[in-house]
Amino acid sequence: MGSNATSGLKLAAGIFLTLALITTVVIIFISSQDAAKEGQTQFSAIQTQLSQTRFNIYENTTLSGSQVMNAVRQYNNDAQFGVYVQTGKGGSTYYGSQFNQTTGIITGEDKNTNLSPALNEADNNFINPSGKFKSLIVRDANNMVRGIVFTQAK
């Protein structure tokens, strides 16, 4: 009878230890899952931030016309993105997508990829390579950069 009681205690202890081990594993698994989700969220935020840093040079700065022309060439084919240029001759044009300069919402389906007016000195939309342009970036409600505005200083 003593050996049956000992066997029963050993069995009960084994079951208890097994349940404790399973509980510990489940707790560790849940904790690591939460940590992984948090890490993924932070990584996504960092990725968004890094993708937007390329526009920081256009935030409230003064650039030459040749730098403006480089930006127009670089970004006029990007999806959901536009560049607005207002020249000293009174010309104003969107390159790439049109966007609302207050809300950052893309307002048109068509994209303007024709750069010839910006290169033609006789045109009001001519971007003078030695001109000075004030720049600013336009963000949408999700804080994504949707456009750059260049205004030639007078």
N, C-alpha and C. Protein backbone atom coordinates (compact mmCIF):
# COMPACT_ATOMS: atom_id res chain seq x y z
N MET A 1 0.81 -1.18 0.00
CA MET A 1 0.00 0.00 0.00
C MET A 1 0.86 1.25 0.00
N GLY A 2 1.99 1.20 0.69
CA GLY A 2 2.90 2.32 0.72
C GLY A 2 3.47 2.62 -0.64
N SER A 3 3.72 1.57 -1.42
CA SER A 3 4.28 1.81 -2.76
C SER A 3 3.23 2.42 -3.69
N ASN A 4 1.96 2.09 -3.48
CA ASN A 4 0.90 2.70 -4.30
C ASN A 4 0.78 4.19 -3.99
N ALA A 5 0.89 4.54 -2.72
CA ALA A 5 0.81 5.95 -2.32
C ALA A 5 1.99 6.71 -2.89
N THR A 6 3.17 6.11 -2.84
CA THR A 6 4.37 6.74 -3.39
C THR A 6 4.23 6.91 -4.89
N SER A 7 3.74 5.89 -5.55
CA SER A 7 3.53 5.96 -7.01
C SER A 7 2.51 7.04 -7.34
N GLY A 8 1.47 7.14 -6.53
CA GLY A 8 0.44 8.17 -6.75
C GLY A 8 1.00 9.56 -6.56
N LEU A 9 1.84 9.71 -5.52
CA LEU A 9 2.49 11.02 -5.29
C LEU A 9 3.44 11.37 -6.43
N LYS A 10 4.19 10.38 -6.88
CA LYS A 10 5.11 10.62 -8.01
C LYS A 10 4.33 11.02 -9.26
N LEU A 11 3.21 10.35 -9.51
CA LEU A 11 2.38 10.65 -10.67
C LEU A 11 1.79 12.06 -10.54
N ALA A 12 1.29 12.38 -9.37
CA ALA A 12 0.72 13.71 -9.14
C ALA A 12 1.79 14.79 -9.31
N ALA A 13 2.99 14.54 -8.76
CA ALA A 13 4.10 15.50 -8.90
C ALA A 13 4.49 15.66 -10.37
N GLY A 14 4.51 14.56 -11.10
CA GLY A 14 4.83 14.60 -12.53
C GLY A 14 3.81 15.41 -13.31
N ILE A 15 2.53 15.18 -13.00
CA ILE A 15 1.47 15.94 -13.67
C ILE A 15 1.59 17.42 -13.33
N PHE A 16 1.82 17.72 -12.04
CA PHE A 16 1.97 19.12 -11.61
C PHE A 16 3.13 19.80 -12.33
N LEU A 17 4.29 19.13 -12.38
CA LEU A 17 5.47 19.70 -13.06
C LEU A 17 5.21 19.88 -14.56
N THR A 18 4.52 18.94 -15.16
CA THR A 18 4.20 19.04 -16.59
C THR A 18 3.29 20.25 -16.85
N LEU A 19 2.26 20.41 -16.02
CA LEU A 19 1.37 21.56 -16.17
C LEU A 19 2.12 22.87 -15.94
N ALA A 20 3.01 22.91 -14.95
CA ALA A 20 3.80 24.10 -14.68
C ALA A 20 4.69 24.43 -15.88
N LEU A 21 5.29 23.40 -16.46
CA LEU A 21 6.16 23.59 -17.62
C LEU A 21 5.36 24.10 -18.82
N ILE A 22 4.20 23.50 -19.07
CA ILE A 22 3.34 23.93 -20.18
C ILE A 22 2.89 25.38 -19.97
N THR A 23 2.50 25.73 -18.76
CA THR A 23 2.08 27.11 -18.45
C THR A 23 3.22 28.09 -18.70
N THR A 24 4.42 27.73 -18.26
CA THR A 24 5.59 28.59 -18.47
C THR A 24 5.87 28.79 -19.96
N VAL A 25 5.80 27.72 -20.72
CA VAL A 25 6.04 27.81 -22.17
C VAL A 25 5.00 28.70 -22.84
N VAL A 26 3.74 28.54 -22.46
CA VAL A 26 2.66 29.37 -23.04
C VAL A 26 2.88 30.84 -22.69
N ILE A 27 3.24 31.13 -21.46
CA ILE A 27 3.49 32.53 -21.05
C ILE A 27 4.65 33.12 -21.83
N ILE A 28 5.73 32.37 -21.98
CA ILE A 28 6.89 32.84 -22.75
C ILE A 28 6.50 33.06 -24.20
N PHE A 29 5.73 32.16 -24.77
CA PHE A 29 5.30 32.29 -26.17
C PHE A 29 4.46 33.55 -26.38
N ILE A 30 3.49 33.78 -25.48
CA ILE A 30 2.64 34.97 -25.60
C ILE A 30 3.47 36.24 -25.45
N SER A 31 4.38 36.25 -24.50
CA SER A 31 5.24 37.42 -24.29
C SER A 31 6.11 37.69 -25.51
N SER A 32 6.67 36.65 -26.07
CA SER A 32 7.54 36.84 -27.25
C SER A 32 6.72 37.29 -28.45
N GLN A 33 5.47 36.84 -28.54
CA GLN A 33 4.61 37.25 -29.65
C GLN A 33 4.31 38.74 -29.54
N ASP A 34 4.01 39.22 -28.33
CA ASP A 34 3.76 40.64 -28.12
C ASP A 34 5.00 41.47 -28.43
N ALA A 35 6.15 40.98 -28.02
CA ALA A 35 7.40 41.69 -28.30
C ALA A 35 7.66 41.74 -29.80
N ALA A 36 7.37 40.64 -30.49
CA ALA A 36 7.57 40.61 -31.94
C ALA A 36 6.64 41.60 -32.64
N LYS A 37 5.38 41.68 -32.18
CA LYS A 37 4.44 42.64 -32.77
C LYS A 37 4.91 44.07 -32.54
N GLU A 38 5.36 44.36 -31.33
CA GLU A 38 5.86 45.70 -31.01
C GLU A 38 7.08 46.04 -31.87
N GLY A 39 7.97 45.07 -32.01
CA GLY A 39 9.15 45.28 -32.85
C GLY A 39 8.78 45.54 -34.29
N GLN A 40 7.80 44.80 -34.78
CA GLN A 40 7.35 44.98 -36.17
C GLN A 40 6.73 46.36 -36.36
N THR A 41 5.95 46.82 -35.38
CA THR A 41 5.34 48.15 -35.45
C THR A 41 6.41 49.23 -35.47
N GLN A 42 7.39 49.09 -34.59
CA GLN A 42 8.47 50.08 -34.55
C GLN A 42 9.29 50.07 -35.84
N PHE A 43 9.55 48.89 -36.38
CA PHE A 43 10.29 48.77 -37.63
C PHE A 43 9.54 49.45 -38.77
N SER A 44 8.23 49.27 -38.80
CA SER A 44 7.40 49.89 -39.83
C SER A 44 7.47 51.41 -39.72
N ALA A 45 7.41 51.93 -38.50
CA ALA A 45 7.50 53.38 -38.29
C ALA A 45 8.85 53.92 -38.74
N ILE A 46 9.91 53.19 -38.43
CA ILE A 46 11.26 53.61 -38.83
C ILE A 46 11.39 53.59 -40.35
N GLN A 47 10.82 52.56 -40.97
CA GLN A 47 10.88 52.43 -42.43
C GLN A 47 10.16 53.61 -43.10
N THR A 48 8.99 53.99 -42.58
CA THR A 48 8.24 55.13 -43.12
C THR A 48 9.05 56.41 -42.95
N GLN A 49 9.64 56.57 -41.78
CA GLN A 49 10.43 57.76 -41.49
C GLN A 49 11.61 57.86 -42.45
N LEU A 50 12.31 56.75 -42.67
CA LEU A 50 13.46 56.76 -43.56
C LEU A 50 13.07 57.06 -45.00
N SER A 51 11.93 56.53 -45.43
CA SER A 51 11.51 56.77 -46.81
C SER A 51 11.14 58.23 -47.02
N GLN A 52 10.78 58.93 -45.97
CA GLN A 52 10.38 60.33 -46.08
C GLN A 52 11.56 61.30 -45.90
N THR A 53 12.68 60.82 -45.38
CA THR A 53 13.80 61.73 -45.12
C THR A 53 14.42 62.30 -46.39
N ARG A 54 14.22 61.64 -47.52
CA ARG A 54 14.78 62.16 -48.77
C ARG A 54 14.17 63.51 -49.14
N PHE A 55 13.03 63.85 -48.53
CA PHE A 55 12.38 65.13 -48.84
C PHE A 55 12.78 66.24 -47.87
N ASN A 56 13.53 65.91 -46.83
CA ASN A 56 13.88 66.92 -45.81
C ASN A 56 14.64 68.11 -46.38
N ILE A 57 15.41 67.90 -47.43
CA ILE A 57 16.18 69.02 -48.01
C ILE A 57 15.26 70.06 -48.65
N TYR A 58 14.00 69.71 -48.88
CA TYR A 58 13.05 70.64 -49.49
C TYR A 58 12.15 71.33 -48.47
N GLU A 59 12.39 71.11 -47.20
CA GLU A 59 11.54 71.69 -46.15
C GLU A 59 12.02 73.10 -45.80
N ASN A 60 11.30 74.11 -46.29
CA ASN A 60 11.58 75.52 -45.99
C ASN A 60 13.04 75.91 -46.26
N THR A 61 13.49 75.65 -47.48
CA THR A 61 14.85 76.03 -47.86
C THR A 61 14.79 76.84 -49.15
N THR A 62 15.90 77.46 -49.47
CA THR A 62 16.03 78.18 -50.73
C THR A 62 17.00 77.40 -51.60
N LEU A 63 16.56 77.10 -52.82
CA LEU A 63 17.35 76.30 -53.74
C LEU A 63 17.52 77.03 -55.06
N SER A 64 18.52 76.62 -55.81
CA SER A 64 18.73 77.19 -57.14
C SER A 64 17.76 76.56 -58.13
N GLY A 65 17.57 77.22 -59.25
CA GLY A 65 16.70 76.69 -60.30
C GLY A 65 17.18 75.35 -60.82
N SER A 66 18.49 75.15 -60.88
CA SER A 66 18.99 73.86 -61.35
C SER A 66 18.64 72.73 -60.37
N GLN A 67 18.64 73.03 -59.06
CA GLN A 67 18.22 72.04 -58.07
C GLN A 67 16.72 71.75 -58.20
N VAL A 68 15.95 72.80 -58.50
CA VAL A 68 14.51 72.62 -58.71
C VAL A 68 14.28 71.72 -59.92
N MET A 69 15.01 71.99 -61.00
CA MET A 69 14.86 71.19 -62.22
C MET A 69 15.24 69.73 -61.95
N ASN A 70 16.28 69.52 -61.16
CA ASN A 70 16.67 68.15 -60.78
C ASN A 70 15.54 67.45 -60.02
N ALA A 71 14.89 68.18 -59.10
CA ALA A 71 13.77 67.60 -58.34
C ALA A 71 12.61 67.27 -59.27
N VAL A 72 12.33 68.17 -60.22
CA VAL A 72 11.24 67.92 -61.18
C VAL A 72 11.54 66.65 -61.98
N ARG A 73 12.76 66.54 -62.46
CA ARG A 73 13.14 65.34 -63.23
C ARG A 73 13.05 64.08 -62.38
N GLN A 74 13.47 64.17 -61.13
CA GLN A 74 13.53 63.01 -60.26
C GLN A 74 12.15 62.53 -59.84
N TYR A 75 11.21 63.45 -59.58
CA TYR A 75 9.95 63.07 -58.96
C TYR A 75 8.72 63.13 -59.87
N ASN A 76 8.83 63.62 -61.10
CA ASN A 76 7.62 63.80 -61.90
C ASN A 76 6.99 62.48 -62.35
N ASN A 77 7.67 61.37 -62.21
CA ASN A 77 7.09 60.07 -62.57
C ASN A 77 6.66 59.25 -61.37
N ASP A 78 6.88 59.76 -60.16
CA ASP A 78 6.51 59.01 -58.96
C ASP A 78 4.99 58.91 -58.84
N ALA A 79 4.52 57.77 -58.35
CA ALA A 79 3.09 57.57 -58.13
C ALA A 79 2.62 58.40 -56.94
N GLN A 80 1.45 59.00 -57.07
CA GLN A 80 0.84 59.76 -55.98
C GLN A 80 1.77 60.86 -55.44
N PHE A 81 2.44 61.55 -56.37
CA PHE A 81 3.38 62.59 -55.96
C PHE A 81 3.47 63.65 -57.05
N GLY A 82 3.64 64.89 -56.65
CA GLY A 82 3.76 65.97 -57.62
C GLY A 82 4.72 67.05 -57.17
N VAL A 83 5.13 67.85 -58.13
CA VAL A 83 5.98 69.01 -57.87
C VAL A 83 5.30 70.21 -58.50
N TYR A 84 5.11 71.26 -57.71
CA TYR A 84 4.48 72.48 -58.20
C TYR A 84 5.55 73.56 -58.26
N VAL A 85 5.67 74.21 -59.42
CA VAL A 85 6.68 75.26 -59.59
C VAL A 85 5.99 76.54 -60.03
N GLN A 86 6.24 77.62 -59.28
CA GLN A 86 5.76 78.95 -59.66
C GLN A 86 6.99 79.79 -59.98
N THR A 87 7.04 80.27 -61.22
CA THR A 87 8.23 81.00 -61.67
C THR A 87 8.06 82.50 -61.47
N GLY A 88 9.17 83.22 -61.59
CA GLY A 88 9.16 84.67 -61.47
C GLY A 88 8.47 85.35 -62.65
N LYS A 89 8.27 84.63 -63.75
CA LYS A 89 7.59 85.17 -64.92
C LYS A 89 6.07 85.03 -64.83
N GLY A 90 5.59 84.51 -63.72
CA GLY A 90 4.15 84.35 -63.54
C GLY A 90 3.61 83.00 -63.96
N GLY A 91 4.48 82.11 -64.39
CA GLY A 91 4.04 80.77 -64.77
C GLY A 91 3.91 79.87 -63.55
N SER A 92 2.99 78.93 -63.64
CA SER A 92 2.85 77.95 -62.56
C SER A 92 2.39 76.63 -63.17
N THR A 93 3.08 75.55 -62.78
CA THR A 93 2.80 74.23 -63.35
C THR A 93 3.00 73.14 -62.32
N TYR A 94 2.14 72.12 -62.42
CA TYR A 94 2.34 70.89 -61.67
C TYR A 94 3.08 69.91 -62.57
N TYR A 95 4.11 69.31 -62.05
CA TYR A 95 4.81 68.22 -62.74
C TYR A 95 4.52 66.96 -61.95
N GLY A 96 4.24 65.87 -62.65
CA GLY A 96 3.78 64.67 -61.96
C GLY A 96 2.30 64.84 -61.67
N SER A 97 1.88 64.46 -60.48
CA SER A 97 0.46 64.53 -60.09
C SER A 97 0.12 65.89 -59.51
N GLN A 98 -1.12 66.34 -59.76
CA GLN A 98 -1.61 67.56 -59.11
C GLN A 98 -2.03 67.20 -57.69
N PHE A 99 -1.82 68.13 -56.75
CA PHE A 99 -2.17 67.90 -55.35
C PHE A 99 -2.69 69.17 -54.72
N ASN A 100 -3.51 69.00 -53.71
CA ASN A 100 -4.01 70.12 -52.94
C ASN A 100 -2.88 70.58 -52.02
N GLN A 101 -2.49 71.85 -52.13
CA GLN A 101 -1.32 72.32 -51.38
C GLN A 101 -1.59 72.48 -49.89
N THR A 102 -2.85 72.41 -49.48
CA THR A 102 -3.19 72.50 -48.06
C THR A 102 -3.33 71.12 -47.43
N THR A 103 -4.08 70.23 -48.11
CA THR A 103 -4.38 68.91 -47.53
C THR A 103 -3.43 67.81 -48.00
N GLY A 104 -2.74 68.03 -49.11
CA GLY A 104 -1.85 67.01 -49.65
C GLY A 104 -2.57 65.94 -50.45
N ILE A 105 -3.86 66.10 -50.67
CA ILE A 105 -4.63 65.10 -51.41
C ILE A 105 -4.32 65.23 -52.90
N ILE A 106 -4.03 64.11 -53.55
CA ILE A 106 -3.80 64.08 -55.00
C ILE A 106 -5.15 64.37 -55.67
N THR A 107 -5.18 65.39 -56.55
CA THR A 107 -6.47 65.85 -57.09
C THR A 107 -6.72 65.44 -58.53
N GLY A 108 -5.74 64.90 -59.22
CA GLY A 108 -5.97 64.54 -60.61
C GLY A 108 -5.47 63.16 -60.94
N GLU A 109 -6.04 62.58 -61.98
CA GLU A 109 -5.60 61.27 -62.45
C GLU A 109 -4.39 61.40 -63.38
N ASP A 110 -4.37 62.49 -64.16
CA ASP A 110 -3.32 62.68 -65.16
C ASP A 110 -2.03 63.12 -64.51
N LYS A 111 -0.93 62.74 -65.16
CA LYS A 111 0.40 63.17 -64.70
C LYS A 111 1.04 63.99 -65.80
N ASN A 112 1.60 65.12 -65.42
CA ASN A 112 2.32 65.96 -66.38
C ASN A 112 3.79 65.58 -66.35
N THR A 113 4.26 64.96 -67.41
CA THR A 113 5.68 64.59 -67.50
C THR A 113 6.38 65.38 -68.59
N ASN A 114 5.69 66.40 -69.16
CA ASN A 114 6.27 67.23 -70.21
C ASN A 114 7.13 68.33 -69.58
N LEU A 115 8.44 68.22 -69.74
CA LEU A 115 9.36 69.18 -69.13
C LEU A 115 9.78 70.29 -70.08
N SER A 116 9.33 70.25 -71.32
CA SER A 116 9.80 71.24 -72.31
C SER A 116 9.49 72.69 -71.92
N PRO A 117 8.32 73.04 -71.32
CA PRO A 117 8.12 74.44 -70.92
C PRO A 117 9.14 74.90 -69.87
N ALA A 118 9.55 74.01 -68.99
CA ALA A 118 10.51 74.35 -67.94
C ALA A 118 11.90 74.62 -68.52
N LEU A 119 12.15 74.10 -69.72
CA LEU A 119 13.47 74.25 -70.34
C LEU A 119 13.51 75.33 -71.41
N ASN A 120 12.35 75.88 -71.78
CA ASN A 120 12.25 76.87 -72.85
C ASN A 120 12.28 78.28 -72.25
N GLU A 121 13.35 79.04 -72.53
CA GLU A 121 13.51 80.37 -71.94
C GLU A 121 12.39 81.32 -72.28
N ALA A 122 11.73 81.14 -73.43
CA ALA A 122 10.66 82.03 -73.85
C ALA A 122 9.35 81.74 -73.11
N ASP A 123 9.25 80.60 -72.49
CA ASP A 123 8.01 80.19 -71.81
C ASP A 123 7.94 80.78 -70.41
N ASN A 124 6.71 81.13 -69.97
CA ASN A 124 6.53 81.65 -68.61
C ASN A 124 6.85 80.62 -67.53
N ASN A 125 6.84 79.34 -67.89
CA ASN A 125 7.14 78.27 -66.94
C ASN A 125 8.62 77.87 -66.94
N PHE A 126 9.46 78.68 -67.60
CA PHE A 126 10.89 78.40 -67.65
C PHE A 126 11.48 78.44 -66.24
N ILE A 127 12.20 77.40 -65.90
CA ILE A 127 12.89 77.34 -64.60
C ILE A 127 14.32 77.80 -64.83
N ASN A 128 14.59 79.03 -64.42
CA ASN A 128 15.91 79.63 -64.59
C ASN A 128 16.91 78.90 -63.69
N PRO A 129 17.94 78.28 -64.28
CA PRO A 129 18.90 77.51 -63.48
C PRO A 129 19.58 78.33 -62.38
N SER A 130 19.74 79.64 -62.61
CA SER A 130 20.41 80.47 -61.60
C SER A 130 19.41 81.21 -60.71
N GLY A 131 18.10 80.99 -60.92
CA GLY A 131 17.09 81.62 -60.07
C GLY A 131 17.08 81.01 -58.68
N LYS A 132 16.48 81.72 -57.75
CA LYS A 132 16.36 81.24 -56.37
C LYS A 132 14.90 80.90 -56.10
N PHE A 133 14.68 79.70 -55.55
CA PHE A 133 13.34 79.22 -55.29
C PHE A 133 13.20 78.83 -53.83
N LYS A 134 12.12 79.28 -53.22
CA LYS A 134 11.77 78.87 -51.85
C LYS A 134 11.00 77.56 -51.97
N SER A 135 11.33 76.60 -51.13
CA SER A 135 10.67 75.30 -51.23
C SER A 135 10.00 74.91 -49.92
N LEU A 136 8.96 74.11 -50.07
CA LEU A 136 8.32 73.49 -48.91
C LEU A 136 7.68 72.19 -49.35
N ILE A 137 7.51 71.28 -48.39
CA ILE A 137 6.89 70.00 -48.71
C ILE A 137 5.46 69.99 -48.21
N VAL A 138 4.62 69.22 -48.91
CA VAL A 138 3.21 69.12 -48.56
C VAL A 138 2.94 67.67 -48.14
N ARG A 139 2.35 67.52 -46.97
CA ARG A 139 2.03 66.19 -46.43
C ARG A 139 0.52 65.99 -46.40
N ASP A 140 0.11 64.72 -46.50
CA ASP A 140 -1.32 64.41 -46.40
C ASP A 140 -1.67 64.11 -44.94
N ALA A 141 -2.91 63.69 -44.70
CA ALA A 141 -3.38 63.43 -43.33
C ALA A 141 -2.61 62.29 -42.66
N ASN A 142 -1.99 61.41 -43.45
CA ASN A 142 -1.20 60.30 -42.90
C ASN A 142 0.27 60.66 -42.74
N ASN A 143 0.58 61.95 -42.89
CA ASN A 143 1.94 62.46 -42.75
C ASN A 143 2.88 61.96 -43.83
N MET A 144 2.33 61.54 -44.97
CA MET A 144 3.13 61.13 -46.12
C MET A 144 3.36 62.35 -47.01
N VAL A 145 4.57 62.51 -47.50
CA VAL A 145 4.87 63.63 -48.40
C VAL A 145 4.21 63.34 -49.74
N ARG A 146 3.37 64.26 -50.21
CA ARG A 146 2.66 64.09 -51.48
C ARG A 146 3.11 65.09 -52.53
N GLY A 147 3.86 66.13 -52.11
CA GLY A 147 4.31 67.09 -53.09
C GLY A 147 5.34 68.06 -52.55
N ILE A 148 5.98 68.73 -53.49
CA ILE A 148 6.93 69.79 -53.16
C ILE A 148 6.47 71.04 -53.90
N VAL A 149 6.50 72.17 -53.22
CA VAL A 149 6.13 73.45 -53.82
C VAL A 149 7.38 74.30 -53.90
N PHE A 150 7.68 74.79 -55.13
CA PHE A 150 8.80 75.71 -55.34
C PHE A 150 8.24 77.04 -55.82
N THR A 151 8.60 78.12 -55.15
CA THR A 151 8.18 79.46 -55.54
C THR A 151 9.41 80.31 -55.75
N GLN A 152 9.52 80.87 -56.97
CA GLN A 152 10.71 81.67 -57.27
C GLN A 152 10.67 82.99 -56.51
N ALA A 153 11.78 83.30 -55.86
CA ALA A 153 11.90 84.56 -55.12
C ALA A 153 12.01 85.71 -56.10
N LYS A 154 11.42 86.81 -55.75
CA LYS A 154 11.44 87.98 -56.66
C LYS A 154 12.48 88.97 -56.28
